[in-house]
């Protein structure tokens, strides 16, 4: 999440909620692994796009039954970095 100034080792506070607004950063479980991504959900298309804030990585796109692999833990509301 370097584009959002969140770096390895930072502490991120998550407000538990199963749905977040488009464009918000959320803690997301993908196949039993947690990650932070910017979330965009398009219900009319049945599509979820998880966008990293690191330009070295491509967005992850999930449609149809693939959505069953994803669980939103909550919205990132605050982070702390070491000095």
PDB file of N, CA and C in Angstrom:
ATOM      1  N   UNK A   1       0.826  -1.195   0.000  1.00  0.00           N
ATOM      2  CA  UNK A   1       0.000   0.000   0.000  1.00  0.00           C
ATOM      3  C   UNK A   1       0.869   1.258   0.000  1.00  0.00           C
ATOM      4  N   UNK A   2       2.005   1.188  -0.671  1.00  0.00           N
ATOM      5  CA  UNK A   2       2.930   2.316  -0.619  1.00  0.00           C
ATOM      6  C   UNK A   2       2.327   3.594  -1.191  1.00  0.00           C
ATOM      7  N   UNK A   3       1.389   3.467  -2.134  1.00  0.00           N
ATOM      8  CA  UNK A   3       0.732   4.648  -2.693  1.00  0.00           C
ATOM      9  C   UNK A   3      -0.160   5.345  -1.681  1.00  0.00           C
ATOM     10  N   UNK A   4      -0.555   4.628  -0.644  1.00  0.00           N
ATOM     11  CA  UNK A   4      -1.368   5.201   0.434  1.00  0.00           C
ATOM     12  C   UNK A   4      -0.511   5.502   1.657  1.00  0.00           C
ATOM     13  N   UNK A   5       0.815   5.443   1.502  1.00  0.00           N
ATOM     14  CA  UNK A   5       1.789   5.680   2.577  1.00  0.00           C
ATOM     15  C   UNK A   5       1.683   4.675   3.709  1.00  0.00           C
ATOM     16  N   UNK A   6       1.213   3.470   3.420  1.00  0.00           N
ATOM     17  CA  UNK A   6       1.172   2.383   4.401  1.00  0.00           C
ATOM     18  C   UNK A   6       2.261   1.401   3.997  1.00  0.00           C
ATOM     19  N   UNK A   7       3.234   1.198   4.895  1.00  0.00           N
ATOM     20  CA  UNK A   7       4.402   0.391   4.571  1.00  0.00           C
ATOM     21  C   UNK A   7       4.461  -0.864   5.427  1.00  0.00           C
ATOM     22  N   UNK A   8       5.281  -1.798   4.999  1.00  0.00           N
ATOM     23  CA  UNK A   8       5.505  -3.038   5.741  1.00  0.00           C
ATOM     24  C   UNK A   8       5.916  -2.696   7.169  1.00  0.00           C
ATOM     25  N   UNK A   9       5.239  -3.287   8.142  1.00  0.00           N
ATOM     26  CA  UNK A   9       5.538  -3.030   9.539  1.00  0.00           C
ATOM     27  C   UNK A   9       4.644  -1.979  10.178  1.00  0.00           C
ATOM     28  N   UNK A  10       3.909  -1.210   9.371  1.00  0.00           N
ATOM     29  CA  UNK A  10       2.965  -0.245   9.925  1.00  0.00           C
ATOM     30  C   UNK A  10       1.821  -0.982  10.610  1.00  0.00           C
ATOM     31  N   UNK A  11       1.185  -0.306  11.540  1.00  0.00           N
ATOM     32  CA  UNK A  11       0.016  -0.854  12.234  1.00  0.00           C
ATOM     33  C   UNK A  11      -1.219  -0.183  11.638  1.00  0.00           C
ATOM     34  N   UNK A  12      -2.173  -1.010  11.180  1.00  0.00           N
ATOM     35  CA  UNK A  12      -3.396  -0.492  10.565  1.00  0.00           C
ATOM     36  C   UNK A  12      -4.579  -0.875  11.446  1.00  0.00           C
ATOM     37  N   UNK A  13      -5.413   0.114  11.764  1.00  0.00           N
ATOM     38  CA  UNK A  13      -6.617  -0.121  12.556  1.00  0.00           C
ATOM     39  C   UNK A  13      -7.789  -0.328  11.603  1.00  0.00           C
ATOM     40  N   UNK A  14      -8.555  -1.385  11.852  1.00  0.00           N
ATOM     41  CA  UNK A  14      -9.657  -1.781  10.985  1.00  0.00           C
ATOM     42  C   UNK A  14     -10.972  -1.680  11.755  1.00  0.00           C
ATOM     43  N   UNK A  15     -11.944  -0.980  11.178  1.00  0.00           N
ATOM     44  CA  UNK A  15     -13.300  -0.958  11.732  1.00  0.00           C
ATOM     45  C   UNK A  15     -14.053  -2.109  11.082  1.00  0.00           C
ATOM     46  N   UNK A  16     -14.447  -3.078  11.889  1.00  0.00           N
ATOM     47  CA  UNK A  16     -15.092  -4.276  11.371  1.00  0.00           C
ATOM     48  C   UNK A  16     -16.414  -3.918  10.702  1.00  0.00           C
ATOM     49  N   UNK A  17     -16.531  -4.293   9.427  1.00  0.00           N
ATOM     50  CA  UNK A  17     -17.762  -4.090   8.662  1.00  0.00           C
ATOM     51  C   UNK A  17     -17.682  -4.962   7.410  1.00  0.00           C
ATOM     52  N   UNK A  18     -18.784  -5.636   7.044  1.00  0.00           N
ATOM     53  CA  UNK A  18     -18.746  -6.571   5.922  1.00  0.00           C
ATOM     54  C   UNK A  18     -18.768  -5.913   4.549  1.00  0.00           C
ATOM     55  N   UNK A  19     -19.132  -4.609   4.496  1.00  0.00           N
ATOM     56  CA  UNK A  19     -19.208  -3.886   3.225  1.00  0.00           C
ATOM     57  C   UNK A  19     -18.572  -2.521   3.429  1.00  0.00           C
ATOM     58  N   UNK A  20     -17.824  -2.068   2.426  1.00  0.00           N
ATOM     59  CA  UNK A  20     -17.229  -0.729   2.465  1.00  0.00           C
ATOM     60  C   UNK A  20     -17.647   0.018   1.201  1.00  0.00           C
ATOM     61  N   UNK A  21     -17.492   1.325   1.217  1.00  0.00           N
ATOM     62  CA  UNK A  21     -17.820   2.148   0.053  1.00  0.00           C
ATOM     63  C   UNK A  21     -16.736   1.976  -1.021  1.00  0.00           C
ATOM     64  N   UNK A  22     -17.137   2.138  -2.267  1.00  0.00           N
ATOM     65  CA  UNK A  22     -16.169   2.071  -3.364  1.00  0.00           C
ATOM     66  C   UNK A  22     -15.052   3.085  -3.153  1.00  0.00           C
ATOM     67  N   UNK A  23     -13.822   2.616  -3.355  1.00  0.00           N
ATOM     68  CA  UNK A  23     -12.650   3.470  -3.222  1.00  0.00           C
ATOM     69  C   UNK A  23     -12.022   3.460  -1.844  1.00  0.00           C
ATOM     70  N   UNK A  24     -12.677   2.838  -0.870  1.00  0.00           N
ATOM     71  CA  UNK A  24     -12.104   2.781   0.473  1.00  0.00           C
ATOM     72  C   UNK A  24     -11.101   1.631   0.573  1.00  0.00           C
ATOM     73  N   UNK A  25     -10.144   1.792   1.471  1.00  0.00           N
ATOM     74  CA  UNK A  25      -9.166   0.736   1.729  1.00  0.00           C
ATOM     75  C   UNK A  25      -9.740  -0.188   2.786  1.00  0.00           C
ATOM     76  N   UNK A  26      -9.654  -1.489   2.520  1.00  0.00           N
ATOM     77  CA  UNK A  26     -10.232  -2.469   3.434  1.00  0.00           C
ATOM     78  C   UNK A  26      -9.279  -3.635   3.646  1.00  0.00           C
ATOM     79  N   UNK A  27      -9.436  -4.275   4.796  1.00  0.00           N
ATOM     80  CA  UNK A  27      -8.773  -5.551   5.048  1.00  0.00           C
ATOM     81  C   UNK A  27      -9.662  -6.619   4.411  1.00  0.00           C
ATOM     82  N   UNK A  28      -9.057  -7.442   3.583  1.00  0.00           N
ATOM     83  CA  UNK A  28      -9.802  -8.417   2.806  1.00  0.00           C
ATOM     84  C   UNK A  28      -9.147  -9.783   2.957  1.00  0.00           C
ATOM     85  N   UNK A  29      -9.970 -10.811   3.107  1.00  0.00           N
ATOM     86  CA  UNK A  29      -9.467 -12.185   3.132  1.00  0.00           C
ATOM     87  C   UNK A  29      -9.661 -12.769   1.737  1.00  0.00           C
ATOM     88  N   UNK A  30      -8.563 -13.229   1.142  1.00  0.00           N
ATOM     89  CA  UNK A  30      -8.591 -13.897  -0.156  1.00  0.00           C
ATOM     90  C   UNK A  30      -7.976 -15.274   0.050  1.00  0.00           C
ATOM     91  N   UNK A  31      -8.786 -16.321  -0.103  1.00  0.00           N
ATOM     92  CA  UNK A  31      -8.280 -17.693   0.075  1.00  0.00           C
ATOM     93  C   UNK A  31      -7.504 -17.846   1.378  1.00  0.00           C
ATOM     94  N   UNK A  32      -8.068 -17.415   2.482  1.00  0.00           N
ATOM     95  CA  UNK A  32      -7.485 -17.561   3.827  1.00  0.00           C
ATOM     96  C   UNK A  32      -6.234 -16.722   4.063  1.00  0.00           C
ATOM     97  N   UNK A  33      -5.994 -15.704   3.241  1.00  0.00           N
ATOM     98  CA  UNK A  33      -4.857 -14.805   3.453  1.00  0.00           C
ATOM     99  C   UNK A  33      -5.367 -13.369   3.504  1.00  0.00           C
ATOM    100  N   UNK A  34      -4.949 -12.614   4.524  1.00  0.00           N
ATOM    101  CA  UNK A  34      -5.406 -11.232   4.693  1.00  0.00           C
ATOM    102  C   UNK A  34      -4.513 -10.268   3.917  1.00  0.00           C
ATOM    103  N   UNK A  35      -5.127  -9.237   3.373  1.00  0.00           N
ATOM    104  CA  UNK A  35      -4.405  -8.208   2.644  1.00  0.00           C
ATOM    105  C   UNK A  35      -5.171  -6.897   2.739  1.00  0.00           C
ATOM    106  N   UNK A  36      -4.511  -5.785   2.431  1.00  0.00           N
ATOM    107  CA  UNK A  36      -5.175  -4.488   2.329  1.00  0.00           C
ATOM    108  C   UNK A  36      -5.287  -4.130   0.857  1.00  0.00           C
ATOM    109  N   UNK A  37      -6.484  -3.738   0.444  1.00  0.00           N
ATOM    110  CA  UNK A  37      -6.709  -3.340  -0.940  1.00  0.00           C
ATOM    111  C   UNK A  37      -7.763  -2.244  -0.981  1.00  0.00           C
ATOM    112  N   UNK A  38      -7.728  -1.442  -2.031  1.00  0.00           N
ATOM    113  CA  UNK A  38      -8.792  -0.485  -2.293  1.00  0.00           C
ATOM    114  C   UNK A  38      -9.907  -1.263  -2.998  1.00  0.00           C
ATOM    115  N   UNK A  39     -11.147  -1.117  -2.515  1.00  0.00           N
ATOM    116  CA  UNK A  39     -12.261  -1.966  -2.948  1.00  0.00           C
ATOM    117  C   UNK A  39     -13.204  -1.209  -3.880  1.00  0.00           C
ATOM    118  N   UNK A  40     -13.579  -1.872  -4.975  1.00  0.00           N
ATOM    119  CA  UNK A  40     -14.589  -1.365  -5.912  1.00  0.00           C
ATOM    120  C   UNK A  40     -15.534  -2.512  -6.225  1.00  0.00           C
ATOM    121  N   UNK A  41     -16.799  -2.366  -5.858  1.00  0.00           N
ATOM    122  CA  UNK A  41     -17.793  -3.418  -6.083  1.00  0.00           C
ATOM    123  C   UNK A  41     -18.872  -2.906  -7.034  1.00  0.00           C
ATOM    124  N   UNK A  42     -19.168  -3.714  -8.048  1.00  0.00           N
ATOM    125  CA  UNK A  42     -20.167  -3.388  -9.057  1.00  0.00           C
ATOM    126  C   UNK A  42     -21.257  -4.464  -9.031  1.00  0.00           C
ATOM    127  N   UNK A  43     -22.280  -4.292  -8.166  1.00  0.00           N
ATOM    128  CA  UNK A  43     -23.286  -5.342  -7.991  1.00  0.00           C
ATOM    129  C   UNK A  43     -24.053  -5.679  -9.265  1.00  0.00           C
ATOM    130  N   UNK A  44     -24.335  -4.695 -10.123  1.00  0.00           N
ATOM    131  CA  UNK A  44     -25.093  -4.972 -11.344  1.00  0.00           C
ATOM    132  C   UNK A  44     -24.314  -5.883 -12.298  1.00  0.00           C
ATOM    133  N   UNK A  45     -22.989  -5.854 -12.180  1.00  0.00           N
ATOM    134  CA  UNK A  45     -22.131  -6.710 -13.008  1.00  0.00           C
ATOM    135  C   UNK A  45     -21.655  -7.939 -12.247  1.00  0.00           C
ATOM    136  N   UNK A  46     -21.950  -7.994 -10.942  1.00  0.00           N
ATOM    137  CA  UNK A  46     -21.455  -9.102 -10.123  1.00  0.00           C
ATOM    138  C   UNK A  46     -19.939  -9.151 -10.117  1.00  0.00           C
ATOM    139  N   UNK A  47     -19.312  -7.971 -10.008  1.00  0.00           N
ATOM    140  CA  UNK A  47     -17.845  -7.879 -10.120  1.00  0.00           C
ATOM    141  C   UNK A  47     -17.255  -7.111  -8.946  1.00  0.00           C
ATOM    142  N   UNK A  48     -16.145  -7.620  -8.431  1.00  0.00           N
ATOM    143  CA  UNK A  48     -15.386  -6.974  -7.367  1.00  0.00           C
ATOM    144  C   UNK A  48     -13.965  -6.759  -7.871  1.00  0.00           C
ATOM    145  N   UNK A  49     -13.473  -5.523  -7.744  1.00  0.00           N
ATOM    146  CA  UNK A  49     -12.106  -5.198  -8.137  1.00  0.00           C
ATOM    147  C   UNK A  49     -11.362  -4.762  -6.882  1.00  0.00           C
ATOM    148  N   UNK A  50     -10.262  -5.437  -6.584  1.00  0.00           N
ATOM    149  CA  UNK A  50      -9.406  -5.106  -5.452  1.00  0.00           C
ATOM    150  C   UNK A  50      -8.125  -4.512  -6.023  1.00  0.00           C
ATOM    151  N   UNK A  51      -7.920  -3.235  -5.740  1.00  0.00           N
ATOM    152  CA  UNK A  51      -6.813  -2.507  -6.348  1.00  0.00           C
ATOM    153  C   UNK A  51      -5.714  -2.251  -5.327  1.00  0.00           C
ATOM    154  N   UNK A  52      -4.492  -2.687  -5.628  1.00  0.00           N
ATOM    155  CA  UNK A  52      -3.375  -2.388  -4.726  1.00  0.00           C
ATOM    156  C   UNK A  52      -2.950  -0.933  -4.879  1.00  0.00           C
ATOM    157  N   UNK A  53      -2.322  -0.396  -3.858  1.00  0.00           N
ATOM    158  CA  UNK A  53      -1.769   0.954  -3.909  1.00  0.00           C
ATOM    159  C   UNK A  53      -0.281   0.908  -4.232  1.00  0.00           C
ATOM    160  N   UNK A  54       0.163  -0.191  -4.780  1.00  0.00           N
ATOM    161  CA  UNK A  54       1.548  -0.362  -5.206  1.00  0.00           C
ATOM    162  C   UNK A  54       1.525  -0.564  -6.716  1.00  0.00           C
ATOM    163  N   UNK A  55       2.114   0.348  -7.479  1.00  0.00           N
ATOM    164  CA  UNK A  55       2.054   0.253  -8.940  1.00  0.00           C
ATOM    165  C   UNK A  55       2.737  -0.991  -9.519  1.00  0.00           C
ATOM    166  N   UNK A  56       3.482  -1.714  -8.703  1.00  0.00           N
ATOM    167  CA  UNK A  56       4.140  -2.933  -9.177  1.00  0.00           C
ATOM    168  C   UNK A  56       3.153  -4.100  -9.311  1.00  0.00           C
ATOM    169  N   UNK A  57       1.929  -3.938  -8.791  1.00  0.00           N
ATOM    170  CA  UNK A  57       0.943  -5.018  -8.799  1.00  0.00           C
ATOM    171  C   UNK A  57      -0.302  -4.596  -9.570  1.00  0.00           C
ATOM    172  N   UNK A  58      -0.934  -5.569 -10.220  1.00  0.00           N
ATOM    173  CA  UNK A  58      -2.160  -5.354 -10.989  1.00  0.00           C
ATOM    174  C   UNK A  58      -3.389  -5.515 -10.092  1.00  0.00           C
ATOM    175  N   UNK A  59      -4.503  -4.882 -10.448  1.00  0.00           N
ATOM    176  CA  UNK A  59      -5.748  -5.107  -9.714  1.00  0.00           C
ATOM    177  C   UNK A  59      -6.193  -6.570  -9.808  1.00  0.00           C
ATOM    178  N   UNK A  60      -6.889  -7.023  -8.778  1.00  0.00           N
ATOM    179  CA  UNK A  60      -7.450  -8.369  -8.758  1.00  0.00           C
ATOM    180  C   UNK A  60      -8.939  -8.230  -9.049  1.00  0.00           C
ATOM    181  N   UNK A  61      -9.435  -8.987 -10.020  1.00  0.00           N
ATOM    182  CA  UNK A  61     -10.833  -8.903 -10.429  1.00  0.00           C
ATOM    183  C   UNK A  61     -11.505 -10.235 -10.156  1.00  0.00           C
ATOM    184  N   UNK A  62     -12.660 -10.181  -9.488  1.00  0.00           N
ATOM    185  CA  UNK A  62     -13.422 -11.384  -9.139  1.00  0.00           C
ATOM    186  C   UNK A  62     -14.840 -11.220  -9.651  1.00  0.00           C
ATOM    187  N   UNK A  63     -15.365 -12.281 -10.294  1.00  0.00           N
ATOM    188  CA  UNK A  63     -16.733 -12.267 -10.808  1.00  0.00           C
ATOM    189  C   UNK A  63     -17.409 -13.598 -10.476  1.00  0.00           C
ATOM    190  N   UNK A  64     -18.731 -13.561 -10.464  1.00  0.00           N
ATOM    191  CA  UNK A  64     -19.513 -14.785 -10.283  1.00  0.00           C
ATOM    192  C   UNK A  64     -19.139 -15.554  -9.038  1.00  0.00           C
ATOM    193  N   UNK A  65     -18.914 -16.861  -9.203  1.00  0.00           N
ATOM    194  CA  UNK A  65     -18.590 -17.741  -8.074  1.00  0.00           C
ATOM    195  C   UNK A  65     -17.261 -17.397  -7.408  1.00  0.00           C
ATOM    196  N   UNK A  66     -16.385 -16.698  -8.110  1.00  0.00           N
ATOM    197  CA  UNK A  66     -15.102 -16.292  -7.518  1.00  0.00           C
ATOM    198  C   UNK A  66     -15.319 -15.382  -6.306  1.00  0.00           C
ATOM    199  N   UNK A  67     -16.449 -14.687  -6.260  1.00  0.00           N
ATOM    200  CA  UNK A  67     -16.742 -13.789  -5.134  1.00  0.00           C
ATOM    201  C   UNK A  67     -16.844 -14.550  -3.819  1.00  0.00           C
ATOM    202  N   UNK A  68     -17.112 -15.850  -3.894  1.00  0.00           N
ATOM    203  CA  UNK A  68     -17.205 -16.666  -2.677  1.00  0.00           C
ATOM    204  C   UNK A  68     -15.852 -16.832  -1.992  1.00  0.00           C
ATOM    205  N   UNK A  69     -14.754 -16.548  -2.689  1.00  0.00           N
ATOM    206  CA  UNK A  69     -13.404 -16.649  -2.124  1.00  0.00           C
ATOM    207  C   UNK A  69     -13.031 -15.424  -1.293  1.00  0.00           C
ATOM    208  N   UNK A  70     -13.837 -14.360  -1.392  1.00  0.00           N
ATOM    209  CA  UNK A  70     -13.488 -13.066  -0.820  1.00  0.00           C
ATOM    210  C   UNK A  70     -14.373 -12.754   0.381  1.00  0.00           C
ATOM    211  N   UNK A  71     -13.728 -12.208   1.430  1.00  0.00           N
ATOM    212  CA  UNK A  71     -14.489 -11.732   2.587  1.00  0.00           C
ATOM    213  C   UNK A  71     -13.871 -10.420   3.051  1.00  0.00           C
ATOM    214  N   UNK A  72     -14.685  -9.396   3.134  1.00  0.00           N
ATOM    215  CA  UNK A  72     -14.212  -8.104   3.628  1.00  0.00           C
ATOM    216  C   UNK A  72     -14.301  -8.118   5.148  1.00  0.00           C
ATOM    217  N   UNK A  73     -13.159  -7.873   5.793  1.00  0.00           N
ATOM    218  CA  UNK A  73     -13.129  -7.824   7.257  1.00  0.00           C
ATOM    219  C   UNK A  73     -13.569  -6.464   7.771  1.00  0.00           C
ATOM    220  N   UNK A  74     -13.155  -5.410   7.072  1.00  0.00           N
ATOM    221  CA  UNK A  74     -13.519  -4.077   7.524  1.00  0.00           C
ATOM    222  C   UNK A  74     -12.701  -3.000   6.853  1.00  0.00           C
ATOM    223  N   UNK A  75     -13.055  -1.774   7.187  1.00  0.00           N
ATOM    224  CA  UNK A  75     -12.459  -0.579   6.605  1.00  0.00           C
ATOM    225  C   UNK A  75     -11.231  -0.134   7.395  1.00  0.00           C
ATOM    226  N   UNK A  76     -10.168   0.210   6.679  1.00  0.00           N
ATOM    227  CA  UNK A  76      -8.983   0.782   7.314  1.00  0.00           C
ATOM    228  C   UNK A  76      -9.318   2.218   7.712  1.00  0.00           C
ATOM    229  N   UNK A  77      -9.175   2.521   9.010  1.00  0.00           N
ATOM    230  CA  UNK A  77      -9.566   3.843   9.499  1.00  0.00           C
ATOM    231  C   UNK A  77      -8.389   4.664  10.030  1.00  0.00           C
ATOM    232  N   UNK A  78      -7.260   3.999  10.291  1.00  0.00           N
ATOM    233  CA  UNK A  78      -6.118   4.710  10.865  1.00  0.00           C
ATOM    234  C   UNK A  78      -4.895   3.819  10.739  1.00  0.00           C
ATOM    235  N   UNK A  79      -3.727   4.436  10.591  1.00  0.00           N
ATOM    236  CA  UNK A  79      -2.500   3.641  10.609  1.00  0.00           C
ATOM    237  C   UNK A  79      -1.409   4.410  11.328  1.00  0.00           C
ATOM    238  N   UNK A  80      -0.466   3.648  11.861  1.00  0.00           N
ATOM    239  CA  UNK A  80       0.682   4.234  12.566  1.00  0.00           C
ATOM    240  C   UNK A  80       1.960   3.692  11.965  1.00  0.00           C
ATOM    241  N   UNK A  81       2.912   4.568  11.764  1.00  0.00           N
ATOM    242  CA  UNK A  81       4.223   4.205  11.236  1.00  0.00           C
ATOM    243  C   UNK A  81       5.289   4.446  12.285  1.00  0.00           C
ATOM    244  N   UNK A  82       6.320   3.649  12.243  1.00  0.00           N
ATOM    245  CA  UNK A  82       7.465   3.877  13.130  1.00  0.00           C
ATOM    246  C   UNK A  82       8.249   5.102  12.640  1.00  0.00           C
ATOM    247  N   UNK A  83       8.901   5.793  13.554  1.00  0.00           N
ATOM    248  CA  UNK A  83       9.732   6.943  13.170  1.00  0.00           C
ATOM    249  C   UNK A  83      11.058   6.516  12.633  1.00  0.00           C
TER     250      UNK A  83
END
